[in-house]
């Protein structure tokens, strides 16, 4: 258990590594001070240089200790304070060189005073400058880690909502088919088991291989083709990746599921759905277009009718692809289209 004295020493010196680093830099500091004292003809320059070096290192630690209560709360560099400290250090350093060239003749005591005062300012200022910079960087790093941890937990929450949401919609559809077209149920249940296996066991990472996600999408489309039947007119253009590309799991499927869900509510005899995925440069280009009848389906209420829908996807895009995605929506009278660009992972 640490005593009060240990805590005080730790507050003053910081890590033990700092003491070792101070011992190393004291060598060039001693040489510089010794040369300076020789230039102003100070007697017993070795002893004075040793004392000045110890004082200089102690001044840095003192400046660090004085400023730490204030600097520990900073999250951004105080430009005015840094500029003032830097200017003070620069002026005092310039004065020391000037004084070395033009010392007062026969005024040893005043010469020492004109040396010690700026020397104190330089050592204290350096300590404060180092401590402020260090604390701000540590506070920013801590804030970034907290933000990342929060974002990660939020992502897991959003992702955990996807499987129940999909299952809820699918079971509703199966119930309707069991009454009207019960012969379709066995193959649908088979496809459903494959879809759930992926969403539960394989899509629990932040990013998964794009090829695995495309297999899942293909299974879902086959599931919907069995369910919808001859009414569906599907145009599918999916480019298979030739290299290892990763993507956020269960991201694209929300748009596809939404297209099937809303297009079947149109008054037309046919359901038209176009799905395209291409790899261009360092981007994944994805689009889904489906027919709709605004008189029958209100697409403005997409979020409400889809549980979380677009709100969920938008939030995940912001967390996983900050400044690395572009989502455009076209909501016309007879069709609805989304176009998504993702930067490759």
Protein backbone atom coordinates (compact mmCIF):
# COMPACT_ATOMS: atom_id res chain seq x y z
CA UNK A 1 0.00 0.00 0.00
CA UNK A 2 1.37 3.43 -0.99
CA UNK A 3 2.07 5.95 1.76
CA UNK A 4 1.33 9.66 1.50
CA UNK A 5 5.03 10.28 0.88
CA UNK A 6 5.06 7.80 -2.01
CA UNK A 7 2.00 9.48 -3.54
CA UNK A 8 3.60 12.93 -3.18
CA UNK A 9 6.84 11.78 -4.82
CA UNK A 10 4.87 10.11 -7.62
CA UNK A 11 2.89 13.34 -8.22
CA UNK A 12 6.10 15.36 -8.37
CA UNK A 13 8.31 13.07 -10.47
CA UNK A 14 5.69 11.04 -12.35
CA UNK A 15 6.90 7.73 -13.73
CA UNK A 16 10.28 6.30 -12.76
CA UNK A 17 11.17 6.44 -16.43
CA UNK A 18 11.10 10.25 -16.22
CA UNK A 19 13.88 10.19 -13.62
CA UNK A 20 16.05 8.02 -15.90
CA UNK A 21 15.33 10.31 -18.84
CA UNK A 22 16.26 13.34 -16.70
CA UNK A 23 19.59 11.75 -15.79
CA UNK A 24 20.34 11.27 -19.49
CA UNK A 25 19.48 14.83 -20.58
CA UNK A 26 21.37 16.29 -17.60
CA UNK A 27 24.65 15.51 -19.44
CA UNK A 28 24.11 17.88 -22.40
CA UNK A 29 22.51 20.42 -20.04
CA UNK A 30 25.63 20.37 -17.82
CA UNK A 31 27.92 20.83 -20.84
CA UNK A 32 25.84 23.75 -22.15
CA UNK A 33 25.72 25.47 -18.73
CA UNK A 34 29.43 24.89 -18.17
CA UNK A 35 30.30 26.51 -21.51
CA UNK A 36 28.03 29.42 -20.71
CA UNK A 37 29.58 30.00 -17.28
CA UNK A 38 33.06 29.93 -18.81
CA UNK A 39 32.01 32.62 -21.27
CA UNK A 40 30.96 34.97 -18.46
CA UNK A 41 34.08 34.10 -16.41
CA UNK A 42 32.39 32.57 -13.34
CA UNK A 43 34.86 31.11 -10.85
CA UNK A 44 34.38 27.47 -9.76
CA UNK A 45 32.38 26.88 -12.90
CA UNK A 46 32.25 23.07 -12.41
CA UNK A 47 30.46 23.32 -9.09
CA UNK A 48 28.14 26.06 -10.32
CA UNK A 49 27.38 24.13 -13.51
CA UNK A 50 26.54 21.01 -11.48
CA UNK A 51 24.24 23.01 -9.23
CA UNK A 52 22.64 24.76 -12.20
CA UNK A 53 22.00 21.41 -13.95
CA UNK A 54 20.34 19.94 -10.86
CA UNK A 55 18.35 23.14 -10.47
CA UNK A 56 17.29 23.06 -14.13
CA UNK A 57 16.05 19.46 -13.95
CA UNK A 58 14.32 20.21 -10.65
CA UNK A 59 12.71 23.27 -12.23
CA UNK A 60 11.24 21.16 -15.01
CA UNK A 61 9.69 18.78 -12.50
CA UNK A 62 8.49 21.75 -10.41
CA UNK A 63 6.81 23.34 -13.44
CA UNK A 64 5.19 20.01 -14.21
CA UNK A 65 3.95 19.70 -10.62
CA UNK A 66 2.64 23.29 -10.43
CA UNK A 67 0.59 23.05 -13.63
CA UNK A 68 -0.74 19.47 -13.32
CA UNK A 69 -3.95 20.27 -11.38
CA UNK A 70 -5.07 22.59 -14.18
CA UNK A 71 -3.67 20.65 -17.12
CA UNK A 72 -5.21 17.34 -16.03
CA UNK A 73 -8.66 18.67 -17.02
CA UNK A 74 -7.68 19.94 -20.47
CA UNK A 75 -9.02 18.21 -23.58
CA UNK A 76 -7.60 20.69 -26.12
CA UNK A 77 -4.32 22.55 -26.32
CA UNK A 78 -4.68 26.09 -24.89
CA UNK A 79 -3.10 28.05 -27.73
CA UNK A 80 -2.71 31.27 -25.74
CA UNK A 81 -0.97 29.58 -22.81
CA UNK A 82 1.33 27.57 -25.08
CA UNK A 83 2.21 30.69 -27.07
CA UNK A 84 2.95 32.63 -23.88
CA UNK A 85 5.15 29.90 -22.43
CA UNK A 86 6.98 29.39 -25.73
CA UNK A 87 7.56 33.12 -26.09
CA UNK A 88 8.83 33.39 -22.50
CA UNK A 89 11.24 30.49 -23.02
CA UNK A 90 12.48 31.93 -26.34
CA UNK A 91 13.03 35.44 -24.89
CA UNK A 92 14.88 34.10 -21.82
CA UNK A 93 17.05 31.84 -23.98
CA UNK A 94 17.88 34.75 -26.27
CA UNK A 95 18.71 36.88 -23.25
CA UNK A 96 21.14 34.24 -21.91
CA UNK A 97 23.07 34.26 -25.20
CA UNK A 98 23.03 38.04 -25.31
CA UNK A 99 24.24 38.25 -21.71
CA UNK A 100 27.02 35.73 -22.41
CA UNK A 101 28.40 38.09 -25.07
CA UNK A 102 27.89 41.29 -23.07
CA UNK A 103 28.25 40.57 -19.34
CA UNK A 104 28.51 43.46 -16.89
CA UNK A 105 32.17 44.05 -16.10
CA UNK A 106 33.07 43.74 -12.41
CA UNK A 107 29.47 42.84 -11.48
CA UNK A 108 29.67 39.12 -10.75
CA UNK A 109 26.66 39.04 -8.40
CA UNK A 110 24.41 40.86 -10.87
CA UNK A 111 25.67 38.66 -13.69
CA UNK A 112 24.66 35.58 -11.71
CA UNK A 113 21.25 37.10 -11.01
CA UNK A 114 20.77 37.93 -14.71
CA UNK A 115 21.65 34.30 -15.42
CA UNK A 116 19.55 32.63 -12.72
CA UNK A 117 16.28 34.49 -13.27
CA UNK A 118 15.84 33.57 -16.96
CA UNK A 119 17.23 30.13 -16.14
CA UNK A 120 14.41 29.61 -13.62
CA UNK A 121 11.81 30.83 -16.13
CA UNK A 122 13.12 28.47 -18.83
CA UNK A 123 13.12 25.39 -16.56
CA UNK A 124 9.67 26.07 -15.07
CA UNK A 125 8.24 26.97 -18.49
CA UNK A 126 9.60 23.81 -20.09
CA UNK A 127 8.10 21.69 -17.32
CA UNK A 128 4.70 23.35 -17.75
CA UNK A 129 4.86 23.07 -21.54
CA UNK A 130 5.73 19.36 -21.42
CA UNK A 131 3.04 18.60 -18.84
CA UNK A 132 0.28 20.47 -20.69
CA UNK A 133 1.10 18.73 -23.99
CA UNK A 134 1.28 15.32 -22.32
CA UNK A 135 -1.98 15.72 -20.37
CA UNK A 136 -3.93 16.99 -23.37
CA UNK A 137 -2.75 14.08 -25.53
CA UNK A 138 -3.61 11.58 -22.77
CA UNK A 139 -7.04 13.11 -22.20
CA UNK A 140 -7.79 13.06 -25.93
CA UNK A 141 -6.65 9.43 -26.15
CA UNK A 142 -8.81 8.51 -23.14
CA UNK A 143 -11.83 10.27 -24.67
CA UNK A 144 -11.24 8.49 -27.99
CA UNK A 145 -11.09 5.11 -26.23
CA UNK A 146 -14.30 5.82 -24.32
CA UNK A 147 -16.01 6.91 -27.53
CA UNK A 148 -14.80 3.77 -29.31
CA UNK A 149 -16.02 1.56 -26.46
CA UNK A 150 -19.39 3.29 -26.50
CA UNK A 151 -19.65 2.98 -30.28
CA UNK A 152 -18.71 -0.70 -30.13
CA UNK A 153 -21.38 -1.47 -27.52
CA UNK A 154 -23.89 0.53 -29.56
CA UNK A 155 -22.95 -1.44 -32.68
CA UNK A 156 -23.44 -4.75 -30.90
CA UNK A 157 -26.85 -3.56 -29.74
CA UNK A 158 -27.86 -2.51 -33.27
CA UNK A 159 -26.52 -5.73 -34.72
CA UNK A 160 -28.31 -7.87 -32.14
CA UNK A 161 -31.58 -6.29 -33.24
CA UNK A 162 -31.22 -7.49 -36.83
CA UNK A 163 -31.84 -11.22 -36.39
CA UNK A 164 -35.00 -10.91 -34.25
CA UNK A 165 -36.28 -8.25 -36.63
CA UNK A 166 -35.76 -10.48 -39.67
CA UNK A 167 -37.18 -13.52 -37.88
CA UNK A 168 -40.29 -11.60 -36.81
CA UNK A 169 -41.09 -10.54 -40.40
CA UNK A 170 -40.32 -13.97 -41.81
CA UNK A 171 -42.53 -15.84 -39.34
CA UNK A 172 -45.40 -13.50 -40.20
CA UNK A 173 -44.94 -14.34 -43.89
CA UNK A 174 -44.74 -18.07 -43.19
CA UNK A 175 -47.95 -17.93 -41.21
CA UNK A 176 -49.78 -16.36 -44.15
CA UNK A 177 -48.38 -18.94 -46.58
CA UNK A 178 -49.26 -21.84 -44.30
CA UNK A 179 -52.92 -20.94 -44.81
CA UNK A 180 -52.94 -20.20 -48.55
CA UNK A 181 -49.93 -22.09 -50.04
CA UNK A 182 -48.82 -24.63 -47.46
CA UNK A 183 -46.86 -26.66 -50.04
CA UNK A 184 -44.22 -23.89 -50.09
CA UNK A 185 -43.49 -24.18 -46.36
CA UNK A 186 -40.90 -27.07 -46.37
CA UNK A 187 -38.40 -25.43 -48.80
CA UNK A 188 -38.91 -22.08 -47.08
CA UNK A 189 -38.12 -23.56 -43.69
CA UNK A 190 -34.94 -25.07 -45.15
CA UNK A 191 -33.84 -21.68 -46.49
CA UNK A 192 -34.83 -20.02 -43.24
CA UNK A 193 -32.58 -22.33 -41.24
CA UNK A 194 -29.61 -21.41 -43.48
CA UNK A 195 -30.35 -17.70 -43.06
CA UNK A 196 -30.65 -17.95 -39.29
CA UNK A 197 -27.46 -20.02 -39.01
CA UNK A 198 -25.51 -17.23 -40.68
CA UNK A 199 -27.13 -14.36 -38.78
CA UNK A 200 -26.70 -16.06 -35.38
CA UNK A 201 -23.31 -17.79 -35.67
CA UNK A 202 -21.33 -16.14 -38.46
CA UNK A 203 -22.40 -12.48 -38.45
CA UNK A 204 -21.28 -11.64 -34.91
CA UNK A 205 -18.14 -9.77 -36.00
CA UNK A 206 -17.94 -6.08 -36.84
CA UNK A 207 -16.78 -6.98 -40.35
CA UNK A 208 -17.17 -10.22 -42.31
CA UNK A 209 -15.92 -11.34 -45.75
CA UNK A 210 -18.05 -9.86 -48.53
CA UNK A 211 -18.29 -13.26 -50.24
CA UNK A 212 -19.98 -14.72 -47.13
CA UNK A 213 -22.42 -11.83 -47.03
CA UNK A 214 -23.24 -12.38 -50.71
CA UNK A 215 -24.01 -16.05 -50.02
CA UNK A 216 -26.40 -14.93 -47.31
CA UNK A 217 -28.03 -12.43 -49.69
CA UNK A 218 -28.38 -15.13 -52.34
CA UNK A 219 -30.10 -17.43 -49.82
CA UNK A 220 -32.46 -14.66 -48.82
CA UNK A 221 -33.36 -13.91 -52.46
CA UNK A 222 -34.01 -17.62 -53.09
CA UNK A 223 -36.22 -17.62 -50.00
CA UNK A 224 -38.23 -14.67 -51.35
CA UNK A 225 -38.47 -16.17 -54.84
CA UNK A 226 -40.14 -19.26 -53.39
CA UNK A 227 -42.46 -17.12 -51.28
CA UNK A 228 -43.44 -14.57 -53.96
CA UNK A 229 -43.59 -16.99 -56.89
CA UNK A 230 -44.22 -16.03 -60.54
CA UNK A 231 -45.22 -12.50 -59.65
CA UNK A 232 -41.55 -11.55 -59.16
CA UNK A 233 -39.49 -10.03 -62.00
CA UNK A 234 -35.96 -9.93 -60.61
CA UNK A 235 -32.89 -8.43 -62.21
CA UNK A 236 -29.73 -9.42 -60.37
CA UNK A 237 -26.23 -8.13 -61.16
CA UNK A 238 -23.82 -9.05 -58.37
CA UNK A 239 -20.09 -8.96 -59.01
CA UNK A 240 -18.23 -11.59 -57.02
CA UNK A 241 -15.11 -10.27 -55.23
CA UNK A 242 -11.78 -11.56 -56.49
CA UNK A 243 -9.90 -10.47 -53.35
CA UNK A 244 -10.49 -10.50 -49.61
CA UNK A 245 -12.93 -7.64 -49.02
CA UNK A 246 -14.82 -7.19 -45.76
CA UNK A 247 -18.12 -5.51 -45.03
CA UNK A 248 -20.36 -4.90 -42.03
CA UNK A 249 -22.66 -7.94 -41.69
CA UNK A 250 -26.41 -7.72 -42.26
CA UNK A 251 -26.03 -4.24 -43.71
CA UNK A 252 -27.14 -4.66 -47.32
CA UNK A 253 -29.87 -7.15 -46.53
CA UNK A 254 -32.04 -4.49 -44.86
CA UNK A 255 -32.45 -2.69 -48.20
CA UNK A 256 -33.21 -5.93 -50.04
CA UNK A 257 -35.70 -7.07 -47.43
CA UNK A 258 -37.37 -3.68 -47.58
CA UNK A 259 -37.64 -3.88 -51.39
CA UNK A 260 -39.42 -7.24 -51.26
CA UNK A 261 -41.64 -6.19 -48.39
CA UNK A 262 -42.97 -3.01 -50.00
CA UNK A 263 -42.99 -3.91 -53.68
CA UNK A 264 -45.43 -6.80 -53.08
CA UNK A 265 -47.95 -4.23 -51.83
CA UNK A 266 -48.24 -2.63 -55.26
CA UNK A 267 -51.43 -2.94 -57.27
CA UNK A 268 -49.49 -4.18 -60.32
CA UNK A 269 -49.61 -7.81 -61.32
CA UNK A 270 -45.80 -7.96 -61.35
CA UNK A 271 -43.18 -7.04 -58.73
CA UNK A 272 -40.07 -5.45 -60.23
CA UNK A 273 -36.82 -5.54 -58.25
CA UNK A 274 -33.33 -4.67 -59.51
CA UNK A 275 -30.31 -5.45 -57.28
CA UNK A 276 -26.80 -4.44 -58.33
CA UNK A 277 -23.45 -4.75 -56.57
CA UNK A 278 -20.19 -3.74 -58.22
CA UNK A 279 -16.61 -3.26 -57.03
CA UNK A 280 -15.11 -0.10 -58.45
CA UNK A 281 -11.67 1.15 -57.38
CA UNK A 282 -11.61 1.05 -53.59
CA UNK A 283 -15.40 1.22 -53.26
CA UNK A 284 -18.37 -1.12 -53.12
CA UNK A 285 -21.29 0.23 -55.17
CA UNK A 286 -24.67 -1.17 -54.20
CA UNK A 287 -28.15 -0.29 -55.43
CA UNK A 288 -31.67 -1.66 -54.99
CA UNK A 289 -34.64 -0.50 -57.05
CA UNK A 290 -38.18 -1.77 -56.62
CA UNK A 291 -41.60 -0.94 -57.96
CA UNK A 292 -44.08 0.76 -55.65
CA UNK A 293 -47.50 2.35 -55.58
CA UNK A 294 -47.50 5.48 -53.45
CA UNK A 295 -51.26 5.40 -53.33
CA UNK A 296 -51.06 2.12 -51.45
CA UNK A 297 -47.69 2.26 -49.68
CA UNK A 298 -46.44 5.26 -47.76
CA UNK A 299 -42.66 5.10 -48.00
CA UNK A 300 -42.21 8.08 -45.68
CA UNK A 301 -43.17 5.75 -42.83
CA UNK A 302 -40.40 3.31 -43.74
CA UNK A 303 -38.80 3.50 -40.29
CA UNK A 304 -42.08 2.79 -38.51
CA UNK A 305 -43.18 -0.07 -40.73
CA UNK A 306 -39.73 -1.63 -40.76
CA UNK A 307 -39.18 -1.59 -37.00
CA UNK A 308 -35.83 0.18 -37.11
CA UNK A 309 -35.07 -0.01 -40.86
CA UNK A 310 -33.36 3.02 -42.27
CA UNK A 311 -32.62 4.52 -38.84
CA UNK A 312 -30.74 1.38 -37.84
CA UNK A 313 -28.75 1.20 -41.08
CA UNK A 314 -27.92 4.92 -41.03
CA UNK A 315 -26.62 4.68 -37.47
CA UNK A 316 -24.47 1.66 -38.29
CA UNK A 317 -23.07 3.41 -41.35
CA UNK A 318 -22.13 6.44 -39.25
CA UNK A 319 -20.37 4.26 -36.68
CA UNK A 320 -18.64 1.79 -39.01
CA UNK A 321 -18.03 3.97 -42.08
CA UNK A 322 -17.51 7.54 -40.82
CA UNK A 323 -16.84 9.76 -43.87
CA UNK A 324 -16.48 6.53 -45.88
CA UNK A 325 -19.98 6.06 -47.24
CA UNK A 326 -22.63 7.81 -49.31
CA UNK A 327 -26.31 6.88 -49.23
CA UNK A 328 -28.78 8.33 -51.74
CA UNK A 329 -32.53 7.65 -51.85
CA UNK A 330 -34.94 8.20 -54.76
CA UNK A 331 -38.60 8.02 -53.77
CA UNK A 332 -40.64 8.38 -56.95
CA UNK A 333 -44.31 7.74 -57.73
CA UNK A 334 -43.80 4.27 -59.21
CA UNK A 335 -40.39 3.17 -57.90
CA UNK A 336 -38.13 3.42 -54.88
CA UNK A 337 -34.34 3.24 -55.19
CA UNK A 338 -31.36 3.38 -52.84
CA UNK A 339 -27.76 3.82 -53.96
CA UNK A 340 -25.00 3.12 -51.46
CA UNK A 341 -21.25 3.61 -51.83
CA UNK A 342 -18.95 2.06 -49.23
CA UNK A 343 -15.21 2.37 -48.93
CA UNK A 344 -13.56 -1.05 -48.93
CA UNK A 345 -12.33 -2.56 -45.66
